Amino acid sequence: MNLMRFTTISLMAAIAFPAAALAVNPEDFAAKLSETILAQSTLEISFDSALADGDTVILSGLKIPSLGESKAAEMLNRTLTFTGVSETADGGYQAKQASVDDIDFTRKGVNLTLQNIVFNNIRLPGDPANDTLGAMMIYQGMSAGPLAVNIAGSDVFKIDNIKTNTIVSSDQNLIEGSYAISGIYGDLSQVNDRDIKQLKEAFSISELTGRMDGAFSWNLGDGTLALNEASVSLDKIGKINLTLDLSGYTLALVKQLQEANKSLAKLDPDSSEYQARSLQMLMGAVTQLSFDSFGLRFDDASISDKVLNMLTKEKGMSRQDMIAAANAMLPAVMADVASPVFIKQVVGAVSSFLENPQSIEVTARPNAPLPFLTIMAAAKDPSAVLDMLNVSVEANQEAK
C-alpha cells in the first residue's frame, strides 16, 4: 500500500468515525460526575467499575461513604448506563441519556420497586467547582415509573409516572422547569392508625388517588425565583396549590450557601459551633433575599361538605349555627394579631366558604418587594406585618 493510498484511507476513516464516536475515558467520566455532584452538595460518590463501549459509558458499584453499609446504600447501588457520550470543549462531557437499573428492594416485609429511571440531556462541566450553574444543571429532563410499595403482597402506594423538565435559555439567564407526578394511589385500608380509620368511615374513603404538579422560573440576572405552581390534587377531596415569588436568589448566593453547607458537613450536628454557623448561614441568606408574593389556595372537590356534615352531627348543630359560631369566635381569636378591617375580611371569606365550599385562598402581595430583614424587624407587631405584606383572604373566587 503506497503512502498516498494509506493517507486517503486514513482520512476517510476519520470522516466516517469522528472523535465523538470513539470510546471516551470512562474513569475520567466517572471522576467528573463525582466532582460535579460534590460541587453542588456535600455528597461524595465513587464507582467500583467504569467501562466504555464507543459512546456508551457504564458505571457500576456506586459507593456513597456517608451512607456506610446501610440499607439505603444497598438500595442505591445501581448501574448507570450513559449513551451518546462525548467530550465538550471545556474539558467536560455531555450525554444524550442515562438509564438506571430498576430498583427492587425489600426490608422488614416492605417491598419497594421503581422502574424505567431515565435522565436526559446530561452535561458535566469541565471545572465543576467553579461553574455553579453547570454543576446544578447536570440533567435537563428525568422520567421514572411505575413506583410501587407492597406490603404482604398488596400494593399500598403507587405512582404511575414521575417526570421533570428544565429548560435553560440560550444566554443562560433564565431557567424554567416543571414536574408532574401522575397516577398517585394510596390504599387507606392498610393503614392501622385509629384516627385514619375514623376518617375513612366518616368520609367513605378507602383509597386516595391524585397527582402532583409544579412549575418554576428563575431569572439569574436579578435573582427572581418564581414558584408558579406546587399543587397536590386528590380526587373527591380537592386541590391545594402554593405559589411563591422571591428576589435576590442569585448564583452568588447559591454558591455562598453551597460553601456554607460544606463547612457545616464537617461539624458535629449537636455541637454549639454547628448551631452558630447554621444561624449565620441563615442570616446571610436572609439579608440578601426579598419577599415578592405568596399564595395558598384550596379548591374543594366535595370533602368540605363531608367534614362540615360530620362536625355538625358530632356537635348536634345545624350548619347555619356552626357558621354563626365561627363568625363569633374568629374576631376574638384574631383580635391581638390583626386589624378590624382584616378580621372582617377573614370572617366574610370563611363564612362564604362554609356556606358554599368552592375555594378559599390566602395571598400576600406587597406593593414592592420587601427585604426579609424588614419583615423580621416588624415581627413583634403581627398586624403591621399583615398590612405590610398586603395579606388578603378570599373565598369562592376564580383563580388569578
Protein backbone atom coordinates (compact mmCIF):
# COMPACT_ATOMS: atom_id res chain seq x y z
CA MET A 1 0.00 0.00 0.00
CA ASN A 2 1.58 3.29 -1.09
CA LEU A 3 1.67 6.37 1.11
CA MET A 4 -0.98 8.25 -0.88
CA ARG A 5 -3.48 5.40 -0.62
CA PHE A 6 -2.79 4.97 3.10
CA THR A 7 -3.36 8.68 3.69
CA THR A 8 -6.62 8.62 1.72
CA ILE A 9 -7.97 5.64 3.67
CA SER A 10 -6.96 7.27 6.95
CA LEU A 11 -8.80 10.48 6.07
CA MET A 12 -11.90 8.55 5.02
CA ALA A 13 -11.85 6.64 8.30
CA ALA A 14 -11.54 9.86 10.25
CA ILE A 15 -14.55 11.29 8.44
CA ALA A 16 -16.62 8.12 8.84
CA PHE A 17 -15.75 7.70 12.53
CA PRO A 18 -15.39 11.14 14.16
CA ALA A 19 -13.76 11.60 17.54
CA ALA A 20 -17.13 11.73 19.31
CA ALA A 21 -17.79 8.13 18.26
CA LEU A 22 -14.56 6.89 19.77
CA ALA A 23 -14.62 5.48 23.28
CA VAL A 24 -14.31 8.17 25.92
CA ASN A 25 -12.19 7.72 29.02
CA PRO A 26 -14.69 6.05 31.41
CA GLU A 27 -12.59 6.64 34.54
CA ASP A 28 -12.34 10.34 33.76
CA PHE A 29 -16.07 10.48 33.04
CA ALA A 30 -16.82 8.84 36.41
CA ALA A 31 -14.46 11.24 38.18
CA LYS A 32 -16.09 14.24 36.51
CA LEU A 33 -19.55 13.02 37.55
CA SER A 34 -18.36 12.67 41.14
CA GLU A 35 -16.78 16.14 41.07
CA THR A 36 -19.96 17.69 39.68
CA ILE A 37 -22.18 16.16 42.35
CA LEU A 38 -19.76 17.17 45.11
CA ALA A 39 -19.57 20.74 43.76
CA GLN A 40 -23.29 21.31 44.37
CA SER A 41 -23.64 19.27 47.57
CA THR A 42 -21.73 17.54 50.35
CA LEU A 43 -22.25 14.12 48.78
CA GLU A 44 -19.15 12.13 47.86
CA ILE A 45 -19.63 9.20 45.48
CA SER A 46 -17.40 6.72 43.65
CA PHE A 47 -17.77 3.68 41.41
CA ASP A 48 -16.13 0.26 41.53
CA SER A 49 -16.22 -0.07 37.76
CA ALA A 50 -16.21 2.32 34.80
CA LEU A 51 -16.37 0.84 31.29
CA ALA A 52 -16.79 2.36 27.83
CA ASP A 53 -18.01 0.93 24.54
CA GLY A 54 -17.94 3.56 21.83
CA ASP A 55 -20.08 6.45 23.07
CA THR A 56 -21.62 4.37 25.88
CA VAL A 57 -20.27 4.55 29.43
CA ILE A 58 -21.35 2.07 32.10
CA LEU A 59 -20.73 2.90 35.76
CA SER A 60 -21.41 0.25 38.40
CA GLY A 61 -20.71 -0.39 42.07
CA LEU A 62 -21.91 3.00 43.32
CA LYS A 63 -20.39 3.85 46.70
CA ILE A 64 -21.64 6.62 49.00
CA PRO A 65 -19.32 6.76 52.04
CA SER A 66 -21.73 8.84 54.12
CA LEU A 67 -24.28 6.01 53.97
CA GLY A 68 -21.82 3.34 55.05
CA GLU A 69 -23.20 -0.20 54.81
CA SER A 70 -26.79 0.90 55.37
CA LYS A 71 -29.84 -0.44 53.57
CA ALA A 72 -30.12 2.90 51.78
CA ALA A 73 -26.64 2.40 50.34
CA GLU A 74 -27.63 -1.08 49.21
CA MET A 75 -30.79 0.22 47.53
CA LEU A 76 -28.91 3.00 45.70
CA ASN A 77 -26.16 0.71 44.45
CA ARG A 78 -27.40 0.74 40.85
CA THR A 79 -25.67 0.52 37.48
CA LEU A 80 -25.78 3.74 35.44
CA THR A 81 -25.62 3.50 31.65
CA PHE A 82 -24.85 6.70 29.73
CA THR A 83 -25.42 6.77 25.96
CA GLY A 84 -24.41 9.33 23.36
CA VAL A 85 -21.42 10.42 25.45
CA SER A 86 -18.91 12.90 24.04
CA GLU A 87 -16.34 15.34 25.35
CA THR A 88 -17.08 19.06 25.41
CA ALA A 89 -14.80 21.95 24.54
CA ASP A 90 -14.38 22.94 28.19
CA GLY A 91 -13.00 19.54 29.15
CA GLY A 92 -16.28 18.16 30.43
CA TYR A 93 -18.75 15.68 29.00
CA GLN A 94 -22.25 15.53 27.61
CA ALA A 95 -24.58 12.56 27.17
CA LYS A 96 -27.90 12.20 25.45
CA GLN A 97 -29.33 9.88 28.06
CA ALA A 98 -28.62 7.96 31.25
CA SER A 99 -30.62 4.99 32.48
CA VAL A 100 -30.53 3.47 35.95
CA ASP A 101 -31.19 -0.15 36.82
CA ASP A 102 -34.68 -0.79 38.17
CA ILE A 103 -34.96 -0.74 41.95
CA ASP A 104 -36.43 -3.80 43.68
CA PHE A 105 -35.73 -3.56 47.39
CA THR A 106 -37.28 -5.33 50.38
CA ARG A 107 -36.86 -4.56 54.06
CA LYS A 108 -38.91 -5.76 57.03
CA GLY A 109 -41.68 -7.06 54.80
CA VAL A 110 -41.97 -3.87 52.75
CA ASN A 111 -41.07 -4.11 49.06
CA LEU A 112 -40.21 -1.01 47.00
CA THR A 113 -39.97 -1.11 43.22
CA LEU A 114 -39.17 1.72 40.81
CA GLN A 115 -38.80 1.11 37.09
CA ASN A 116 -37.73 2.96 33.93
CA ILE A 117 -35.46 5.56 35.55
CA VAL A 118 -34.10 7.77 32.77
CA PHE A 119 -32.24 11.12 32.70
CA ASN A 120 -31.93 13.20 29.52
CA ASN A 121 -29.54 15.87 28.23
CA ILE A 122 -26.73 15.31 30.73
CA ARG A 123 -23.84 17.75 30.92
CA LEU A 124 -20.81 17.60 33.21
CA PRO A 125 -18.81 20.86 33.26
CA GLY A 126 -15.06 20.82 32.80
CA ASP A 127 -14.47 22.68 36.08
CA PRO A 128 -17.46 21.89 38.33
CA ALA A 129 -16.02 23.63 41.39
CA ASN A 130 -16.01 26.97 39.55
CA ASP A 131 -19.14 26.52 37.44
CA THR A 132 -22.06 26.91 39.84
CA LEU A 133 -24.79 26.80 37.20
CA GLY A 134 -23.17 23.96 35.27
CA ALA A 135 -22.86 21.84 38.41
CA MET A 136 -26.52 22.44 39.24
CA MET A 137 -27.78 21.57 35.77
CA ILE A 138 -26.45 18.01 35.46
CA TYR A 139 -29.55 16.95 33.53
CA GLN A 140 -32.48 18.75 31.92
CA GLY A 141 -35.09 16.01 31.97
CA MET A 142 -35.98 12.97 34.06
CA SER A 143 -38.69 10.32 33.99
CA ALA A 144 -39.42 7.24 36.08
CA GLY A 145 -42.26 4.90 36.89
CA PRO A 146 -44.15 2.98 37.83
CA LEU A 147 -43.30 3.06 41.54
CA ALA A 148 -44.93 0.68 44.00
CA VAL A 149 -44.77 -0.03 47.73
CA ASN A 150 -46.01 -3.52 48.53
CA ILE A 151 -46.82 -4.97 51.95
CA ALA A 152 -47.82 -8.61 52.37
CA GLY A 153 -48.49 -8.98 48.66
CA SER A 154 -50.69 -5.90 48.37
CA ASP A 155 -49.76 -2.56 46.78
CA VAL A 156 -50.42 0.11 49.42
CA PHE A 157 -48.91 3.02 47.48
CA LYS A 158 -48.30 3.52 43.77
CA ILE A 159 -47.22 6.19 41.31
CA ASP A 160 -47.64 5.66 37.58
CA ASN A 161 -45.15 8.23 36.33
CA ILE A 162 -42.70 10.87 37.53
CA LYS A 163 -41.47 13.44 35.04
CA THR A 164 -39.36 16.61 35.30
CA ASN A 165 -38.22 19.02 32.63
CA THR A 166 -35.86 22.01 32.75
CA ILE A 167 -35.02 24.49 30.00
CA VAL A 168 -32.09 26.91 30.10
CA SER A 169 -32.23 29.92 27.79
CA SER A 170 -29.51 30.30 25.17
CA ASP A 171 -27.96 33.21 27.09
CA GLN A 172 -28.10 31.14 30.31
CA ASN A 173 -30.01 33.93 32.02
CA LEU A 174 -33.36 32.18 32.51
CA ILE A 175 -34.19 28.70 33.78
CA GLU A 176 -37.71 27.30 33.54
CA GLY A 177 -38.76 23.96 34.94
CA SER A 178 -41.74 21.76 35.69
CA TYR A 179 -42.61 18.43 37.26
CA ALA A 180 -45.57 16.08 37.14
CA ILE A 181 -46.24 13.08 39.36
CA SER A 182 -49.28 11.27 38.00
CA GLY A 183 -51.28 8.22 38.92
CA ILE A 184 -50.81 8.53 42.69
CA TYR A 185 -52.66 5.81 44.60
CA GLY A 186 -52.84 5.11 48.33
CA ASP A 187 -54.72 2.22 49.92
CA LEU A 188 -56.07 3.51 53.24
CA SER A 189 -57.41 0.09 54.18
CA GLN A 190 -53.84 -0.91 55.03
CA VAL A 191 -53.39 1.99 57.50
CA ASN A 192 -53.92 0.92 61.12
CA ASP A 193 -53.94 4.40 62.69
CA ARG A 194 -57.15 4.89 64.73
CA ASP A 195 -57.77 8.46 63.55
CA ILE A 196 -57.32 7.46 59.91
CA LYS A 197 -59.79 4.62 60.38
CA GLN A 198 -62.36 7.05 61.80
CA LEU A 199 -61.87 9.41 58.86
CA LYS A 200 -62.26 6.53 56.39
CA GLU A 201 -65.56 5.58 57.95
CA ALA A 202 -66.83 9.15 58.22
CA PHE A 203 -65.99 10.11 54.65
CA SER A 204 -66.41 6.69 52.99
CA ILE A 205 -62.91 6.92 51.55
CA SER A 206 -60.89 3.71 51.32
CA GLU A 207 -58.28 4.94 48.84
CA LEU A 208 -56.65 8.14 47.67
CA THR A 209 -55.94 8.92 44.03
CA GLY A 210 -54.47 12.04 42.51
CA ARG A 211 -51.43 13.83 41.16
CA MET A 212 -48.83 16.49 41.94
CA ASP A 213 -47.68 19.27 39.60
CA GLY A 214 -45.22 22.11 39.78
CA ALA A 215 -43.59 24.81 37.71
CA PHE A 216 -40.94 27.45 38.37
CA SER A 217 -38.80 30.06 36.68
CA TRP A 218 -35.50 31.55 37.80
CA ASN A 219 -34.06 34.74 36.36
CA LEU A 220 -30.33 34.61 37.04
CA GLY A 221 -29.88 38.26 36.16
CA ASP A 222 -31.84 39.75 39.06
CA GLY A 223 -32.23 36.59 41.15
CA THR A 224 -36.02 36.46 40.82
CA LEU A 225 -37.26 32.98 41.70
CA ALA A 226 -40.92 32.27 40.97
CA LEU A 227 -42.64 29.11 42.15
CA ASN A 228 -45.62 29.34 39.83
CA GLU A 229 -47.24 26.11 40.95
CA ALA A 230 -46.74 23.45 43.61
CA SER A 231 -50.03 21.62 43.70
CA VAL A 232 -51.48 18.42 45.11
CA SER A 233 -54.76 17.24 43.62
CA LEU A 234 -56.69 14.43 45.29
CA ASP A 235 -59.81 13.04 43.66
CA LYS A 236 -63.03 13.58 45.66
CA ILE A 237 -61.09 15.76 48.11
CA GLY A 238 -59.67 18.83 46.42
CA LYS A 239 -56.61 20.63 45.16
CA ILE A 240 -54.18 22.70 47.21
CA ASN A 241 -51.69 24.94 45.43
CA LEU A 242 -48.77 27.01 46.71
CA THR A 243 -47.13 29.89 44.85
CA LEU A 244 -44.15 31.96 45.98
CA ASP A 245 -42.01 34.71 44.45
CA LEU A 246 -38.64 35.76 45.87
CA SER A 247 -35.92 38.09 44.61
CA GLY A 248 -32.23 38.22 45.39
CA TYR A 249 -31.69 34.49 44.83
CA THR A 250 -28.60 34.93 42.68
CA LEU A 251 -25.93 32.45 41.62
CA ALA A 252 -23.56 34.18 44.03
CA LEU A 253 -25.96 33.41 46.90
CA VAL A 254 -26.30 29.79 45.74
CA LYS A 255 -22.52 29.44 45.75
CA GLN A 256 -22.35 31.01 49.21
CA LEU A 257 -24.92 28.55 50.58
CA GLN A 258 -23.16 25.59 48.97
CA GLU A 259 -19.86 26.51 50.59
CA ALA A 260 -21.54 27.07 53.95
CA ASN A 261 -23.19 23.64 53.75
CA LYS A 262 -19.85 22.01 53.03
CA SER A 263 -18.37 23.64 56.11
CA LEU A 264 -21.32 22.50 58.22
CA ALA A 265 -20.95 18.93 56.97
CA LYS A 266 -17.57 18.73 58.71
CA LEU A 267 -19.06 19.59 62.12
CA ASP A 268 -20.98 17.63 64.72
CA PRO A 269 -24.69 18.50 64.23
CA ASP A 270 -25.14 18.54 68.01
CA SER A 271 -22.28 20.96 68.66
CA SER A 272 -22.74 24.62 69.55
CA GLU A 273 -20.48 25.60 66.66
CA TYR A 274 -22.80 23.82 64.23
CA GLN A 275 -25.80 25.68 65.63
CA ALA A 276 -24.00 29.01 65.46
CA ARG A 277 -22.84 28.51 61.89
CA SER A 278 -26.29 27.32 60.81
CA LEU A 279 -27.78 30.54 62.16
CA GLN A 280 -25.03 32.53 60.49
CA MET A 281 -25.78 30.84 57.16
CA LEU A 282 -29.49 31.53 57.52
CA MET A 283 -28.96 35.17 58.35
CA GLY A 284 -26.51 35.51 55.48
CA ALA A 285 -29.21 34.36 53.08
CA VAL A 286 -31.96 36.42 54.68
CA THR A 287 -30.00 39.65 54.28
CA GLN A 288 -29.93 39.13 50.51
CA LEU A 289 -33.48 37.91 49.88
CA SER A 290 -36.68 39.87 49.39
CA PHE A 291 -40.29 38.74 49.53
CA ASP A 292 -42.34 39.41 46.39
CA SER A 293 -45.55 37.41 46.80
CA PHE A 294 -47.18 34.31 48.27
CA GLY A 295 -50.37 32.39 47.61
CA LEU A 296 -52.07 29.36 49.13
CA ARG A 297 -55.33 28.18 47.56
CA PHE A 298 -57.67 25.25 48.18
CA ASP A 299 -60.25 24.20 45.61
CA ASP A 300 -62.84 21.86 47.06
CA ALA A 301 -63.96 18.63 45.38
CA SER A 302 -66.67 17.60 47.87
CA ILE A 303 -64.61 16.88 51.02
CA SER A 304 -65.59 20.12 52.78
CA ASP A 305 -69.28 19.28 52.83
CA LYS A 306 -68.47 15.88 54.30
CA VAL A 307 -66.30 17.44 57.01
CA LEU A 308 -68.96 20.00 57.88
CA ASN A 309 -71.68 17.37 57.99
CA MET A 310 -69.54 15.25 60.32
CA LEU A 311 -68.84 18.19 62.64
CA THR A 312 -72.43 19.36 62.80
CA LYS A 313 -73.56 15.83 63.57
CA GLU A 314 -70.98 15.45 66.35
CA LYS A 315 -71.93 18.77 67.94
CA GLY A 316 -75.66 18.47 67.34
CA MET A 317 -75.75 21.78 65.46
CA SER A 318 -77.13 22.95 62.14
CA ARG A 319 -74.69 24.29 59.56
CA GLN A 320 -76.04 27.81 60.00
CA ASP A 321 -75.48 27.58 63.75
CA MET A 322 -71.91 26.41 63.16
CA ILE A 323 -71.26 29.27 60.74
CA ALA A 324 -72.64 31.73 63.27
CA ALA A 325 -70.40 30.27 65.97
CA ALA A 326 -67.35 30.58 63.71
CA ASN A 327 -68.25 34.18 62.88
CA ALA A 328 -68.44 34.97 66.59
CA MET A 329 -65.25 33.14 67.51
CA LEU A 330 -62.86 34.42 64.82
CA PRO A 331 -62.82 38.10 65.89
CA ALA A 332 -61.91 37.12 69.45
CA VAL A 333 -59.18 34.75 68.30
CA MET A 334 -57.66 37.29 65.90
CA ALA A 335 -58.07 40.43 67.98
CA ASP A 336 -54.44 40.55 69.14
CA VAL A 337 -52.86 39.88 65.73
CA ALA A 338 -54.93 41.68 63.11
CA SER A 339 -56.72 44.94 62.40
CA PRO A 340 -60.53 45.15 62.48
CA VAL A 341 -60.56 45.57 58.69
CA PHE A 342 -58.59 42.37 58.13
CA ILE A 343 -60.66 40.45 60.69
CA LYS A 344 -63.84 41.48 58.88
CA GLN A 345 -62.37 40.25 55.61
CA VAL A 346 -61.42 36.87 57.11
CA VAL A 347 -64.83 36.40 58.73
CA GLY A 348 -66.55 37.18 55.43
CA ALA A 349 -64.38 34.74 53.47
CA VAL A 350 -64.73 31.92 55.99
CA SER A 351 -68.48 32.43 56.20
CA SER A 352 -68.83 32.33 52.40
CA PHE A 353 -66.75 29.17 52.17
CA LEU A 354 -68.66 27.37 54.91
CA GLU A 355 -71.99 28.24 53.31
CA ASN A 356 -70.90 27.15 49.83
CA PRO A 357 -67.49 25.40 49.80
CA GLN A 358 -65.82 26.07 46.46
CA SER A 359 -62.45 27.63 47.13
CA ILE A 360 -60.55 29.65 49.72
CA GLU A 361 -57.30 31.50 49.12
CA VAL A 362 -54.76 33.42 51.17
CA THR A 363 -52.43 35.80 49.32
CA ALA A 364 -49.69 38.23 50.28
CA ARG A 365 -48.76 40.75 47.60
CA PRO A 366 -46.85 43.79 48.89
CA ASN A 367 -46.73 46.83 46.65
CA ALA A 368 -42.99 46.32 46.17
CA PRO A 369 -40.52 43.55 47.08
CA LEU A 370 -39.85 43.59 50.83
CA PRO A 371 -36.45 42.62 52.25
CA PHE A 372 -36.86 39.77 54.71
CA LEU A 373 -34.94 41.78 57.29
CA THR A 374 -37.66 44.45 57.12
CA ILE A 375 -40.34 41.83 57.72
CA MET A 376 -38.39 40.32 60.62
CA ALA A 377 -37.92 43.73 62.20
CA ALA A 378 -41.69 44.20 62.29
CA ALA A 379 -42.44 40.69 63.59
CA LYS A 380 -43.38 41.93 67.06
CA ASP A 381 -46.42 43.63 65.57
CA PRO A 382 -48.35 40.96 63.60
CA SER A 383 -50.97 43.45 62.48
CA ALA A 384 -48.28 45.66 60.94
CA VAL A 385 -46.78 42.66 59.14
CA LEU A 386 -50.16 41.71 57.68
CA ASP A 387 -50.61 45.25 56.40
CA MET A 388 -47.03 45.42 55.14
CA LEU A 389 -47.44 42.20 53.16
CA ASN A 390 -50.88 43.22 51.92
CA VAL A 391 -52.39 39.91 53.04
CA SER A 392 -55.90 39.10 51.88
CA VAL A 393 -58.30 36.17 52.21
CA GLU A 394 -60.93 35.39 49.58
CA ALA A 395 -63.48 32.63 49.12
CA ASN A 396 -65.20 31.21 46.05
CA GLN A 397 -63.27 33.39 43.58
CA GLU A 398 -61.76 32.37 40.25
CA ALA A 399 -58.05 31.57 40.36
CA LYS A 400 -55.94 34.52 39.22
